[in-house]
Amino acid sequence: MDKLRRVLSGQEDNEERGLTQVLDASTLSYSTRIKGFVICFACGILCSLLGTALLFLPNGTRLFGVFYTLGNIAAISSTCFLMGPLNQLKRMFEPTRLIATIVMLLCLILTLCAVFWWQKNGLAIIFCILQFLSMTWYSISYIPFARDAIMKCFTTCLS
């Protein structure tokens, strides 16, 4: 609003805008961030469910792989509304979730490769299962002590 007042009054300064000014100018309100998160996350879930439903059609494995991968990408992208894209990327590659992030991104890429270039339906389904497992492990990393509890549960069940 101040910028508009300066322009209309003829007092606009021609100084260059720094990166912080650009980032401050593009911030969203809290309610807009929540709405963006919900819409993007819902689209991700819808794409994943649609892909699962298309799995049972003839040649549906290809559509399943694509829609399931797009759904996971939308779900990951939805958190950018909550914490911002740069902060999201920083948190994704923290040492505690680095391996989960790399496996998750690798499975996203390998699923699309299996569907489009290699045309291996079984391989695409295996990569989708790995996507699910890596996304689950990645998501759990944001809950304090959840990974430790799951590891303890599995070691107790296996021993």
Protein backbone atom coordinates (compact mmCIF):
# COMPACT_ATOMS: atom_id res chain seq x y z
CA MET A 1 0.00 0.00 0.00
CA ASP A 2 2.88 2.33 0.80
CA LYS A 3 4.38 1.64 -2.60
CA LEU A 4 1.11 2.59 -4.29
CA ARG A 5 0.96 5.83 -2.29
CA ARG A 6 4.53 6.72 -3.29
CA VAL A 7 3.83 6.03 -6.97
CA LEU A 8 0.61 8.05 -6.97
CA SER A 9 2.22 10.96 -5.16
CA GLY A 10 5.23 10.93 -7.51
CA GLN A 11 7.72 10.05 -4.78
CA GLU A 12 8.71 6.65 -6.14
CA ASP A 13 12.35 5.87 -5.56
CA ASN A 14 14.17 3.89 -8.21
CA GLU A 15 16.27 1.81 -5.87
CA GLU A 16 16.65 -1.83 -6.73
CA ARG A 17 14.57 -4.28 -4.75
CA GLY A 18 16.53 -6.84 -2.81
CA LEU A 19 15.69 -10.51 -2.45
CA THR A 20 14.16 -9.99 0.98
CA GLN A 21 11.83 -7.32 -0.37
CA VAL A 22 10.68 -9.64 -3.14
CA LEU A 23 10.12 -12.47 -0.67
CA ASP A 24 8.25 -10.17 1.71
CA ALA A 25 6.05 -8.96 -1.12
CA SER A 26 5.04 -12.50 -2.08
CA THR A 27 4.08 -13.82 1.33
CA LEU A 28 0.66 -15.32 1.74
CA SER A 29 -1.72 -14.87 4.64
CA TYR A 30 -2.22 -17.72 7.08
CA SER A 31 -5.69 -18.55 5.77
CA THR A 32 -4.44 -18.55 2.17
CA ARG A 33 -1.61 -20.90 3.12
CA ILE A 34 -4.03 -23.29 4.81
CA LYS A 35 -6.41 -23.19 1.84
CA GLY A 36 -3.55 -23.80 -0.60
CA PHE A 37 -2.29 -26.71 1.49
CA VAL A 38 -5.72 -28.33 1.72
CA ILE A 39 -6.47 -27.90 -2.00
CA CYS A 40 -3.07 -29.19 -3.13
CA PHE A 41 -3.12 -32.10 -0.67
CA ALA A 42 -6.69 -33.03 -1.67
CA CYS A 43 -5.66 -32.97 -5.34
CA GLY A 44 -2.77 -35.29 -4.47
CA ILE A 45 -5.05 -37.73 -2.71
CA LEU A 46 -7.57 -37.55 -5.56
CA CYS A 47 -4.86 -38.29 -8.14
CA SER A 48 -3.58 -41.24 -6.11
CA LEU A 49 -7.08 -42.67 -5.69
CA LEU A 50 -7.85 -42.13 -9.37
CA GLY A 51 -4.64 -43.92 -10.29
CA THR A 52 -5.59 -46.83 -8.04
CA ALA A 53 -9.03 -47.04 -9.67
CA LEU A 54 -7.48 -46.96 -13.15
CA LEU A 55 -5.19 -49.86 -12.25
CA PHE A 56 -7.96 -52.32 -13.00
CA LEU A 57 -8.50 -51.13 -16.58
CA PRO A 58 -6.71 -52.74 -19.52
CA ASN A 59 -3.24 -51.16 -19.69
CA GLY A 60 -4.16 -49.36 -16.47
CA THR A 61 -0.73 -49.89 -14.95
CA ARG A 62 0.63 -47.04 -16.99
CA LEU A 63 -2.12 -44.67 -15.84
CA PHE A 64 -1.76 -45.93 -12.29
CA GLY A 65 1.95 -45.14 -12.23
CA VAL A 66 1.46 -41.68 -13.65
CA PHE A 67 -1.47 -40.64 -11.47
CA TYR A 68 -0.01 -42.16 -8.32
CA THR A 69 3.28 -40.34 -8.90
CA LEU A 70 1.50 -37.04 -9.65
CA GLY A 71 -0.53 -37.50 -6.47
CA ASN A 72 2.62 -37.94 -4.41
CA ILE A 73 4.24 -34.91 -6.01
CA ALA A 74 1.14 -32.82 -5.24
CA ALA A 75 1.12 -34.08 -1.65
CA ILE A 76 4.77 -33.13 -1.18
CA SER A 77 4.19 -29.77 -2.86
CA SER A 78 1.28 -29.00 -0.57
CA THR A 79 3.61 -28.53 2.37
CA CYS A 80 5.30 -25.70 0.49
CA PHE A 81 2.20 -23.64 1.28
CA LEU A 82 2.70 -24.19 4.99
CA MET A 83 6.41 -23.48 5.35
CA GLY A 84 7.46 -21.98 2.03
CA PRO A 85 9.36 -23.68 -0.78
CA LEU A 86 12.89 -22.85 0.36
CA ASN A 87 12.27 -23.89 3.94
CA GLN A 88 10.59 -27.07 2.69
CA LEU A 89 13.64 -27.96 0.58
CA LYS A 90 15.97 -27.26 3.51
CA ARG A 91 13.93 -29.49 5.80
CA MET A 92 13.65 -32.25 3.19
CA PHE A 93 17.42 -32.54 2.96
CA GLU A 94 18.20 -32.41 6.69
CA PRO A 95 20.41 -35.31 7.80
CA THR A 96 17.54 -37.03 9.63
CA ARG A 97 15.44 -37.40 6.48
CA LEU A 98 18.07 -37.26 3.74
CA ILE A 99 17.95 -40.97 2.91
CA ALA A 100 14.14 -41.04 2.91
CA THR A 101 14.04 -38.00 0.63
CA ILE A 102 16.54 -39.45 -1.84
CA VAL A 103 14.75 -42.82 -1.95
CA MET A 104 11.39 -41.09 -2.36
CA LEU A 105 12.56 -38.85 -5.22
CA LEU A 106 14.39 -41.74 -6.86
CA CYS A 107 11.25 -43.91 -6.71
CA LEU A 108 9.17 -41.09 -8.23
CA ILE A 109 11.58 -40.86 -11.16
CA LEU A 110 11.98 -44.61 -11.55
CA THR A 111 8.21 -45.14 -11.60
CA LEU A 112 7.85 -42.74 -14.50
CA CYS A 113 10.83 -44.36 -16.27
CA ALA A 114 9.29 -47.81 -15.82
CA VAL A 115 5.98 -46.59 -17.22
CA PHE A 116 7.15 -44.53 -20.20
CA TRP A 117 10.56 -45.78 -21.32
CA TRP A 118 11.02 -49.30 -20.01
CA GLN A 119 7.31 -50.20 -20.30
CA LYS A 120 7.54 -52.74 -17.48
CA ASN A 121 4.22 -52.89 -15.65
CA GLY A 122 5.44 -55.07 -12.78
CA LEU A 123 8.41 -52.82 -12.20
CA ALA A 124 6.16 -49.76 -12.12
CA ILE A 125 4.01 -51.34 -9.42
CA ILE A 126 7.09 -52.25 -7.38
CA PHE A 127 8.31 -48.65 -7.62
CA CYS A 128 4.86 -47.38 -6.56
CA ILE A 129 5.02 -49.62 -3.49
CA LEU A 130 8.48 -48.26 -2.75
CA GLN A 131 7.08 -44.73 -3.24
CA PHE A 132 4.43 -45.46 -0.64
CA LEU A 133 6.92 -46.88 1.85
CA SER A 134 9.44 -44.07 1.37
CA MET A 135 6.71 -41.39 1.57
CA THR A 136 5.46 -42.97 4.79
CA TRP A 137 8.95 -43.08 6.30
CA TYR A 138 9.57 -39.48 5.15
CA SER A 139 6.26 -38.26 6.62
CA ILE A 140 6.88 -40.05 9.90
CA SER A 141 10.19 -38.21 10.23
CA TYR A 142 8.25 -35.02 11.04
CA ILE A 143 6.63 -36.67 14.09
CA PRO A 144 8.97 -36.67 17.10
CA PHE A 145 10.10 -40.18 18.16
CA ALA A 146 7.76 -41.88 15.64
CA ARG A 147 10.60 -43.57 13.77
CA ASP A 148 12.05 -44.89 17.01
CA ALA A 149 8.66 -46.26 18.07
CA ILE A 150 8.14 -48.01 14.72
CA MET A 151 11.64 -49.48 14.75
CA LYS A 152 11.12 -50.75 18.31
CA CYS A 153 7.75 -52.26 17.33
CA PHE A 154 9.27 -54.09 14.36
CA THR A 155 12.25 -55.39 16.34
CA THR A 156 9.89 -56.60 19.08
CA CYS A 157 7.67 -58.38 16.53
CA LEU A 158 10.60 -59.97 14.72
CA SER A 159 12.41 -61.20 17.83
